[in-house]
Amino acid sequence: MKKWILALVISIGAPLFIWAQNADSAEEYYRQGRYSAALGAYEEQLKNAPNSPYLYYNIGNCYFKMGSTGLAVANYYRAFRLDPRDEDIRHNLNLALESAGEKLVPGGVPEVLHKVYFYFSAAELKGLSVLALGVFSLLACIWLLKRRLGRTTLVMLAVWVVIAAWAGSVKRLEQENWAVVAVPAAELRSGPGMNFPASANLSQGHLVVVQDTRNAWQEVVVKSQGLQGWMPADSLEKI
């Protein structure tokens, strides 16, 4: 029995010990300015914690320090989707986007409204929607059986509808095939090939939405500039 307990402790404790060592190493590498080594350590941690916004944030910091603005934006955006309330994540994402000529908050949209809209992540909104539906269902049963709490039931119905619509809106936005220019510069062409004329030149860090894929080319929309065209697939990093 003692052997089984010891084996269980080792099997649980060893990965945690290794993870803690990697975390300490990554932070030490970063403090020393060894960003490539820190990046490797953070990416190793990410294998065991694929939904950690803070690892994506730290990976984004490494790429930004290394001059890879596009890959920094991609990882900051992944962190932002998981924890949109974190001010550091929001600040660094906006900073990286601005260095590429982009903005986190679209023109004409008040920043406070943008913060409210992205206060919860898509997963949190889904959970809140399920919770609101459960509360409404309970109140509806009470009203049907005892004819009580009618107004409260209607209010809860309205709350559930708002949250469900909010969750659906954020989810649809995330489901768009977002990508970021990950090379120093990429030409936007009128067709899927080098023989088609270039209509624009995008620097790394620009956000695009992928519409179609043909061989090694992808058709994209640059929403911030109202442009559409084709780019080499290897010049983009999917978010």
Protein backbone atom coordinates (compact mmCIF):
# COMPACT_ATOMS: atom_id res chain seq x y z
CA MET A 1 0.00 0.00 0.00
CA LYS A 2 2.83 2.38 0.88
CA LYS A 3 4.49 1.68 -2.48
CA TRP A 4 1.31 2.63 -4.32
CA ILE A 5 1.04 5.88 -2.33
CA LEU A 6 4.70 6.70 -3.01
CA ALA A 7 4.26 6.02 -6.73
CA LEU A 8 1.18 8.26 -6.81
CA VAL A 9 3.02 11.09 -5.04
CA ILE A 10 5.93 10.82 -7.46
CA SER A 11 3.66 10.70 -10.52
CA ILE A 12 1.88 13.89 -9.41
CA GLY A 13 4.78 15.73 -7.83
CA ALA A 14 7.41 15.18 -10.52
CA PRO A 15 5.53 17.02 -13.32
CA LEU A 16 4.70 19.87 -10.92
CA PHE A 17 8.34 20.13 -9.87
CA ILE A 18 9.50 20.17 -13.51
CA TRP A 19 6.83 22.77 -14.39
CA ALA A 20 7.95 24.99 -11.50
CA GLN A 21 11.58 24.68 -12.60
CA ASN A 22 10.65 25.65 -16.16
CA ALA A 23 8.67 28.64 -14.86
CA ASP A 24 11.62 29.86 -12.78
CA SER A 25 14.00 29.31 -15.71
CA ALA A 26 11.76 31.21 -18.13
CA GLU A 27 11.50 34.24 -15.85
CA GLU A 28 15.24 34.21 -15.17
CA TYR A 29 16.05 34.01 -18.89
CA TYR A 30 13.68 36.93 -19.54
CA ARG A 31 15.27 39.07 -16.80
CA GLN A 32 18.68 38.34 -18.32
CA GLY A 33 17.52 39.47 -21.74
CA ARG A 34 17.81 35.94 -23.14
CA TYR A 35 14.45 36.18 -24.87
CA SER A 36 14.90 33.22 -27.20
CA ALA A 37 15.68 30.92 -24.26
CA ALA A 38 12.75 32.36 -22.28
CA LEU A 39 10.48 31.79 -25.28
CA GLY A 40 11.45 28.13 -25.45
CA ALA A 41 10.81 27.67 -21.73
CA TYR A 42 7.40 29.39 -21.90
CA GLU A 43 6.37 27.31 -24.92
CA GLU A 44 7.36 24.17 -23.02
CA GLN A 45 5.09 25.25 -20.14
CA LEU A 46 2.28 25.92 -22.63
CA LYS A 47 2.16 22.21 -23.49
CA ASN A 48 0.89 21.51 -19.96
CA ALA A 49 -1.28 24.63 -19.69
CA PRO A 50 -2.65 25.35 -23.19
CA ASN A 51 -5.35 27.72 -21.90
CA SER A 52 -3.14 29.96 -19.78
CA PRO A 53 -3.51 33.61 -20.82
CA TYR A 54 -0.39 34.51 -18.87
CA LEU A 55 1.81 32.11 -20.83
CA TYR A 56 0.53 33.54 -24.11
CA TYR A 57 1.17 37.02 -22.69
CA ASN A 58 4.74 36.12 -21.72
CA ILE A 59 5.35 34.50 -25.11
CA GLY A 60 4.05 37.68 -26.73
CA ASN A 61 6.49 39.72 -24.62
CA CYS A 62 9.38 37.57 -25.81
CA TYR A 63 8.43 37.94 -29.47
CA PHE A 64 7.96 41.70 -29.06
CA LYS A 65 11.42 42.05 -27.48
CA MET A 66 12.85 39.97 -30.36
CA GLY A 67 11.29 42.28 -32.95
CA SER A 68 8.66 39.81 -34.19
CA THR A 69 5.67 42.14 -33.90
CA GLY A 70 3.33 39.85 -35.83
CA LEU A 71 3.91 36.84 -33.59
CA ALA A 72 3.69 39.12 -30.55
CA VAL A 73 0.26 40.35 -31.69
CA ALA A 74 -0.93 36.78 -32.31
CA ASN A 75 0.01 35.67 -28.80
CA TYR A 76 -1.25 38.82 -27.08
CA TYR A 77 -4.55 38.31 -28.89
CA ARG A 78 -4.75 34.69 -27.69
CA ALA A 79 -4.17 35.94 -24.15
CA PHE A 80 -6.79 38.68 -24.62
CA ARG A 81 -9.43 36.16 -25.68
CA LEU A 82 -8.83 34.14 -22.54
CA ASP A 83 -8.63 37.08 -20.11
CA PRO A 84 -9.92 40.31 -21.70
CA ARG A 85 -10.09 42.13 -18.34
CA ASP A 86 -6.36 41.97 -17.68
CA GLU A 87 -5.02 45.51 -18.13
CA ASP A 88 -1.44 44.40 -18.89
CA ILE A 89 -2.62 42.08 -21.65
CA ARG A 90 -4.86 44.77 -23.12
CA HIS A 91 -2.12 47.42 -22.94
CA ASN A 92 0.57 45.29 -24.60
CA LEU A 93 -1.81 44.06 -27.30
CA ASN A 94 -2.75 47.64 -28.13
CA LEU A 95 0.91 48.70 -28.06
CA ALA A 96 1.91 45.94 -30.49
CA LEU A 97 -1.03 46.72 -32.78
CA GLU A 98 -0.22 50.44 -32.82
CA SER A 99 3.37 49.68 -33.82
CA ALA A 100 1.89 48.01 -36.92
CA GLY A 101 -0.53 50.85 -37.64
CA GLU A 102 -3.53 49.01 -36.17
CA LYS A 103 -5.79 49.70 -33.18
CA LEU A 104 -7.44 47.43 -30.67
CA VAL A 105 -10.44 49.77 -30.38
CA PRO A 106 -12.00 50.47 -33.81
CA GLY A 107 -12.34 54.11 -34.82
CA GLY A 108 -15.53 55.74 -33.62
CA VAL A 109 -16.03 53.22 -30.79
CA PRO A 110 -15.64 54.65 -27.26
CA GLU A 111 -12.94 52.79 -25.33
CA VAL A 112 -15.21 52.33 -22.32
CA LEU A 113 -17.81 50.63 -24.52
CA HIS A 114 -15.14 48.36 -25.97
CA LYS A 115 -14.01 47.42 -22.45
CA VAL A 116 -17.58 46.65 -21.39
CA TYR A 117 -18.21 44.52 -24.47
CA PHE A 118 -15.02 42.52 -23.87
CA TYR A 119 -15.32 42.43 -20.08
CA PHE A 120 -16.07 38.70 -20.14
CA SER A 121 -14.43 36.04 -22.26
CA ALA A 122 -16.54 33.91 -24.61
CA ALA A 123 -16.32 30.98 -22.19
CA GLU A 124 -17.44 33.14 -19.26
CA LEU A 125 -20.38 34.51 -21.23
CA LYS A 126 -21.42 31.00 -22.17
CA GLY A 127 -21.37 30.00 -18.50
CA LEU A 128 -23.35 33.09 -17.49
CA SER A 129 -25.91 32.35 -20.20
CA VAL A 130 -26.40 28.81 -18.93
CA LEU A 131 -26.70 30.10 -15.35
CA ALA A 132 -29.25 32.76 -16.33
CA LEU A 133 -31.29 30.19 -18.24
CA GLY A 134 -31.29 27.91 -15.20
CA VAL A 135 -32.47 30.70 -12.89
CA PHE A 136 -35.18 31.72 -15.38
CA SER A 137 -36.36 28.10 -15.68
CA LEU A 138 -36.61 27.80 -11.89
CA LEU A 139 -38.55 31.06 -11.61
CA ALA A 140 -40.82 30.01 -14.46
CA CYS A 141 -41.65 26.76 -12.63
CA ILE A 142 -42.47 28.72 -9.46
CA TRP A 143 -44.73 31.05 -11.44
CA LEU A 144 -46.54 28.17 -13.17
CA LEU A 145 -47.09 26.25 -9.94
CA LYS A 146 -47.79 29.06 -7.48
CA ARG A 147 -48.41 32.12 -9.65
CA ARG A 148 -45.69 34.00 -7.78
CA LEU A 149 -42.64 36.04 -8.83
CA GLY A 150 -44.11 36.86 -12.24
CA ARG A 151 -42.29 40.15 -12.67
CA THR A 152 -39.02 38.67 -11.44
CA THR A 153 -39.43 35.87 -13.98
CA LEU A 154 -39.90 38.37 -16.82
CA VAL A 155 -36.86 40.35 -15.69
CA MET A 156 -34.78 37.18 -15.59
CA LEU A 157 -36.00 36.27 -19.07
CA ALA A 158 -34.80 39.65 -20.33
CA VAL A 159 -31.44 39.18 -18.58
CA TRP A 160 -31.00 35.75 -20.16
CA VAL A 161 -31.86 37.07 -23.65
CA VAL A 162 -29.32 39.91 -23.31
CA ILE A 163 -26.55 37.62 -22.05
CA ALA A 164 -27.28 34.97 -24.68
CA ALA A 165 -27.17 37.58 -27.46
CA TRP A 166 -23.95 39.04 -26.02
CA ALA A 167 -22.36 35.58 -25.83
CA GLY A 168 -23.40 34.78 -29.39
CA SER A 169 -21.98 38.05 -30.69
CA VAL A 170 -18.58 37.52 -29.04
CA LYS A 171 -18.50 33.89 -30.16
CA ARG A 172 -19.23 34.82 -33.79
CA LEU A 173 -16.43 37.38 -33.67
CA GLU A 174 -13.98 34.77 -32.37
CA GLN A 175 -15.10 32.23 -34.96
CA GLU A 176 -13.98 34.50 -37.78
CA ASN A 177 -10.75 33.14 -39.22
CA TRP A 178 -8.44 35.82 -37.80
CA ALA A 179 -4.76 35.87 -38.64
CA VAL A 180 -1.88 38.33 -38.42
CA VAL A 181 0.91 39.19 -40.84
CA ALA A 182 3.91 37.44 -39.31
CA VAL A 183 6.68 38.44 -41.74
CA PRO A 184 8.38 41.87 -42.01
CA ALA A 185 6.30 42.74 -45.08
CA ALA A 186 3.82 40.96 -47.33
CA GLU A 187 2.21 42.04 -50.57
CA LEU A 188 -1.54 41.86 -51.03
CA ARG A 189 -2.21 40.62 -54.58
CA SER A 190 -5.32 40.51 -56.74
CA GLY A 191 -5.06 36.74 -57.20
CA PRO A 192 -3.44 33.62 -55.73
CA GLY A 193 0.00 33.87 -57.29
CA MET A 194 3.07 36.03 -57.85
CA ASN A 195 1.90 36.70 -61.43
CA PHE A 196 -1.02 38.80 -60.12
CA PRO A 197 -0.41 42.51 -59.49
CA ALA A 198 0.12 43.76 -55.92
CA SER A 199 -2.44 46.21 -54.59
CA ALA A 200 -0.94 46.92 -51.15
CA ASN A 201 1.98 46.14 -48.89
CA LEU A 202 1.24 45.12 -45.30
CA SER A 203 3.82 45.21 -42.52
CA GLN A 204 3.93 42.61 -39.79
CA GLY A 205 1.31 42.92 -37.12
CA HIS A 206 -1.62 43.76 -39.39
CA LEU A 207 -4.80 41.84 -38.61
CA VAL A 208 -6.64 40.06 -41.42
CA VAL A 209 -9.60 37.70 -41.76
CA VAL A 210 -8.96 34.67 -43.97
CA GLN A 211 -11.79 34.07 -46.45
CA ASP A 212 -10.45 31.30 -48.69
CA THR A 213 -7.40 29.10 -49.29
CA ARG A 214 -6.03 28.06 -52.66
CA ASN A 215 -2.83 26.04 -52.77
CA ALA A 216 -0.23 28.05 -50.82
CA TRP A 217 -2.26 31.28 -50.94
CA GLN A 218 -5.02 32.70 -48.78
CA GLU A 219 -7.63 35.29 -49.63
CA VAL A 220 -7.88 37.82 -46.82
CA VAL A 221 -9.83 40.91 -45.80
CA VAL A 222 -8.03 43.76 -44.03
CA LYS A 223 -10.99 45.20 -42.14
CA SER A 224 -9.13 48.22 -40.75
CA GLN A 225 -8.33 49.43 -44.28
CA GLY A 226 -11.21 47.97 -46.29
CA LEU A 227 -8.83 45.93 -48.46
CA GLN A 228 -9.19 42.43 -49.89
CA GLY A 229 -6.71 40.26 -51.76
CA TRP A 230 -4.43 37.25 -51.68
CA MET A 231 -1.32 36.62 -49.59
CA PRO A 232 1.09 33.67 -49.22
CA ALA A 233 -0.18 31.39 -46.46
CA ASP A 234 3.26 31.17 -44.85
CA SER A 235 3.26 34.93 -44.28
CA LEU A 236 0.32 34.66 -41.87
CA GLU A 237 -0.02 33.35 -38.32
CA LYS A 238 -3.49 32.11 -37.39
CA ILE A 239 -4.80 33.45 -34.10
